[in-house]
Amino acid sequence: MKLNELKPAAGSKKTRRRVGRGLGSGRGKTAGRGQKGQSSRSGFSQGAGWEGGRSRLVMRLPKRGFTRVQVQFQIVNVGDLNGFEEGTPIDVETLVAVGLVRHLTRPVKLLAGGALEVRGLQIEVDACSVAAARAVADLGGSVTVPSAAESIEGGAADAVEAASTDEVASSDEAASSDEGDAPGTTETA
């Protein structure tokens, strides 16, 4: 057996049918396209669902419901940011350059998946979860959301916690005032 004696298995290769090569070829003249008409012309393309010009099935069927238009965020987890140096400023261009997101024009959202180990990151994204902002702030970093009035830093994360404790305290005060208005008590003006 030599290289010049190698051949494909019998029947595995089939000669391409050459159409339009004269009347004696068996596929000459119209070359299998029939007589005239749209499908005999060059460049003819029939789209999916085409029914010869009548109303398509997808158009005849009744429609139900609606399609909700949502913002398609590109998701980045805080655990994905461990490859950056300490104190690195991070924005969309940086994320595209390292391959964490694909598109410069689509908004980016930071989520709290994974464990962040890099300190002092300065992150600018379009949206951010509270847990992700707290994870970055705990390591001395900050998350800036352009649509928000101020950046979410360590102090802002503390303010979020303080606001939640104030809500609990106000609900406790409301409950105690309701107890004071129990039946059987009278107030004098």
Protein backbone atom coordinates (compact mmCIF):
# COMPACT_ATOMS: atom_id res chain seq x y z
CA MET A 1 0.00 0.00 0.00
CA LYS A 2 1.38 3.39 -1.04
CA LEU A 3 0.10 6.92 -0.61
CA ASN A 4 -0.67 7.20 -4.29
CA GLU A 5 -2.79 4.05 -4.09
CA LEU A 6 -5.12 5.33 -1.35
CA LYS A 7 -8.77 5.66 -2.41
CA PRO A 8 -11.95 6.54 -0.55
CA ALA A 9 -14.34 3.73 0.34
CA ALA A 10 -16.60 2.68 -2.49
CA GLY A 11 -19.80 4.77 -2.52
CA SER A 12 -18.54 7.40 -0.05
CA LYS A 13 -17.84 9.97 -2.76
CA LYS A 14 -20.44 10.91 -5.31
CA THR A 15 -19.90 13.10 -8.36
CA ARG A 16 -21.82 16.38 -8.23
CA ARG A 17 -24.65 16.61 -10.75
CA ARG A 18 -23.76 19.18 -13.41
CA VAL A 19 -26.96 20.69 -14.74
CA GLY A 20 -27.54 22.87 -17.79
CA ARG A 21 -24.81 21.26 -19.90
CA GLY A 22 -26.74 20.67 -23.09
CA LEU A 23 -29.75 18.63 -24.19
CA GLY A 24 -27.81 15.38 -24.37
CA SER A 25 -26.87 15.46 -20.66
CA GLY A 26 -30.37 14.61 -19.43
CA ARG A 27 -30.36 17.81 -17.34
CA GLY A 28 -30.07 20.38 -20.11
CA LYS A 29 -32.31 23.23 -21.26
CA THR A 30 -34.34 24.14 -18.14
CA ALA A 31 -31.97 22.19 -15.84
CA GLY A 32 -34.71 20.78 -13.64
CA ARG A 33 -36.39 24.15 -12.97
CA GLY A 34 -39.45 23.53 -15.10
CA GLN A 35 -41.15 26.03 -17.40
CA LYS A 36 -40.99 29.75 -16.56
CA GLY A 37 -42.40 31.06 -13.29
CA GLN A 38 -40.83 32.53 -10.18
CA SER A 39 -38.90 29.43 -9.13
CA SER A 40 -37.22 29.15 -12.52
CA ARG A 41 -35.52 32.54 -12.19
CA SER A 42 -32.05 33.08 -10.79
CA GLY A 43 -31.96 34.60 -7.35
CA PHE A 44 -35.31 33.12 -6.34
CA SER A 45 -35.61 32.72 -2.57
CA GLN A 46 -38.74 31.52 -0.81
CA GLY A 47 -38.85 32.46 2.86
CA ALA A 48 -40.04 30.23 5.66
CA GLY A 49 -43.80 30.32 6.02
CA TRP A 50 -44.40 31.60 2.48
CA GLU A 51 -47.72 30.32 1.19
CA GLY A 52 -47.78 31.51 -2.40
CA GLY A 53 -48.99 35.00 -1.61
CA ARG A 54 -51.99 34.21 0.56
CA SER A 55 -52.09 35.19 4.22
CA ARG A 56 -49.58 33.15 6.20
CA LEU A 57 -50.61 30.76 8.95
CA VAL A 58 -48.81 32.83 11.59
CA MET A 59 -50.87 35.85 10.51
CA ARG A 60 -54.17 33.95 10.49
CA LEU A 61 -53.84 32.56 14.00
CA PRO A 62 -55.24 34.61 16.93
CA LYS A 63 -52.73 36.37 19.13
CA ARG A 64 -52.78 36.34 22.95
CA GLY A 65 -50.82 38.20 25.60
CA PHE A 66 -48.03 40.68 25.08
CA THR A 67 -44.26 40.85 24.92
CA ARG A 68 -42.53 42.60 27.80
CA VAL A 69 -39.66 44.85 26.78
CA GLN A 70 -36.86 44.44 29.31
CA VAL A 71 -33.42 45.96 29.65
CA GLN A 72 -30.90 43.27 28.73
CA PHE A 73 -28.14 43.65 31.30
CA GLN A 74 -24.71 42.09 30.94
CA ILE A 75 -24.13 40.33 34.27
CA VAL A 76 -20.83 40.50 36.17
CA ASN A 77 -20.40 38.85 39.58
CA VAL A 78 -18.05 40.23 42.22
CA GLY A 79 -16.21 36.89 42.21
CA ASP A 80 -15.26 37.54 38.57
CA LEU A 81 -13.29 40.66 39.59
CA ASN A 82 -10.58 38.77 41.51
CA GLY A 83 -8.27 38.93 38.50
CA PHE A 84 -7.81 42.71 38.84
CA GLU A 85 -5.05 44.48 40.77
CA GLU A 86 -5.80 46.23 44.06
CA GLY A 87 -7.30 49.70 43.61
CA THR A 88 -8.00 49.27 39.89
CA PRO A 89 -10.70 51.51 38.34
CA ILE A 90 -13.18 49.29 36.51
CA ASP A 91 -15.68 50.38 33.86
CA VAL A 92 -17.33 48.87 30.78
CA GLU A 93 -14.24 49.34 28.60
CA THR A 94 -12.10 47.51 31.15
CA LEU A 95 -14.60 44.64 31.41
CA VAL A 96 -14.73 44.27 27.61
CA ALA A 97 -10.93 44.31 27.40
CA VAL A 98 -10.60 41.36 29.82
CA GLY A 99 -13.54 39.48 28.28
CA LEU A 100 -16.05 39.63 31.17
CA VAL A 101 -18.65 41.34 28.94
CA ARG A 102 -18.96 41.51 25.16
CA HIS A 103 -20.71 44.75 24.25
CA LEU A 104 -19.71 48.34 25.01
CA THR A 105 -23.19 49.72 24.36
CA ARG A 106 -25.24 47.37 26.57
CA PRO A 107 -25.68 48.13 30.29
CA VAL A 108 -23.71 46.18 32.91
CA LYS A 109 -25.09 44.99 36.26
CA LEU A 110 -22.91 43.92 39.19
CA LEU A 111 -24.22 41.03 41.29
CA ALA A 112 -22.93 39.43 44.50
CA GLY A 113 -22.06 35.99 43.13
CA GLY A 114 -18.80 34.54 44.40
CA ALA A 115 -16.39 35.96 46.97
CA LEU A 116 -14.45 39.16 46.30
CA GLU A 117 -10.82 39.09 47.49
CA VAL A 118 -9.37 42.25 45.88
CA ARG A 119 -9.35 45.43 47.96
CA GLY A 120 -10.05 49.01 46.91
CA LEU A 121 -11.73 48.47 43.53
CA GLN A 122 -13.32 51.59 42.00
CA ILE A 123 -16.20 50.19 39.95
CA GLU A 124 -18.51 52.09 37.59
CA VAL A 125 -21.51 50.12 36.29
CA ASP A 126 -25.08 50.84 35.15
CA ALA A 127 -26.77 48.85 37.94
CA CYS A 128 -25.72 47.09 41.12
CA SER A 129 -27.32 44.92 43.79
CA VAL A 130 -27.13 46.03 47.42
CA ALA A 131 -25.25 42.85 48.41
CA ALA A 132 -22.66 43.43 45.68
CA ALA A 133 -22.16 47.07 46.75
CA ARG A 134 -21.71 45.96 50.37
CA ALA A 135 -19.19 43.28 49.34
CA VAL A 136 -17.08 45.87 47.48
CA ALA A 137 -17.42 48.48 50.26
CA ASP A 138 -16.36 45.97 52.94
CA LEU A 139 -12.98 45.71 51.19
CA GLY A 140 -12.53 49.47 50.90
CA GLY A 141 -13.79 49.86 47.35
CA SER A 142 -16.67 51.81 45.84
CA VAL A 143 -19.38 51.21 43.25
CA THR A 144 -20.62 54.15 41.18
CA VAL A 145 -23.93 53.96 39.32
CA PRO A 146 -24.19 56.91 36.86
CA SER A 147 -27.99 57.10 37.13
CA ALA A 148 -27.81 57.30 40.94
CA ALA A 149 -27.22 60.63 42.65
CA GLU A 150 -24.15 59.45 44.58
CA SER A 151 -21.78 56.51 44.60
CA ILE A 152 -22.41 53.52 46.83
CA GLU A 153 -19.41 53.54 49.16
CA GLY A 154 -18.75 52.25 52.65
CA GLY A 155 -20.67 55.12 54.23
CA ALA A 156 -23.61 54.67 51.89
CA ALA A 157 -23.77 50.97 52.67
CA ASP A 158 -23.87 51.89 56.38
CA ALA A 159 -26.64 54.37 55.59
CA VAL A 160 -28.66 51.59 53.95
CA GLU A 161 -28.28 49.49 57.10
CA ALA A 162 -29.16 52.48 59.31
CA ALA A 163 -32.26 53.17 57.22
CA SER A 164 -33.42 49.59 57.66
CA THR A 165 -32.92 49.78 61.47
CA ASP A 166 -34.80 53.12 61.55
CA GLU A 167 -37.74 51.48 59.76
CA VAL A 168 -37.78 48.70 62.38
CA ALA A 169 -37.64 51.27 65.21
CA SER A 170 -40.47 53.34 63.71
CA SER A 171 -42.63 50.23 63.34
CA ASP A 172 -41.97 49.38 67.02
CA GLU A 173 -43.00 52.91 68.05
CA ALA A 174 -46.18 52.64 66.00
CA ALA A 175 -47.00 49.35 67.68
CA SER A 176 -46.44 50.85 71.17
CA SER A 177 -48.66 53.85 70.35
CA ASP A 178 -51.40 51.47 69.22
CA GLU A 179 -51.18 49.70 72.58
CA GLY A 180 -51.62 53.05 74.36
CA ASP A 181 -54.92 53.58 72.56
CA ALA A 182 -56.38 50.40 73.97
CA PRO A 183 -60.11 50.41 74.91
CA GLY A 184 -60.93 51.66 78.40
CA THR A 185 -58.47 54.58 78.32
CA THR A 186 -59.72 58.15 78.06
CA GLU A 187 -57.94 61.24 76.87
CA THR A 188 -58.61 64.75 78.10
CA ALA A 189 -58.12 67.81 75.98
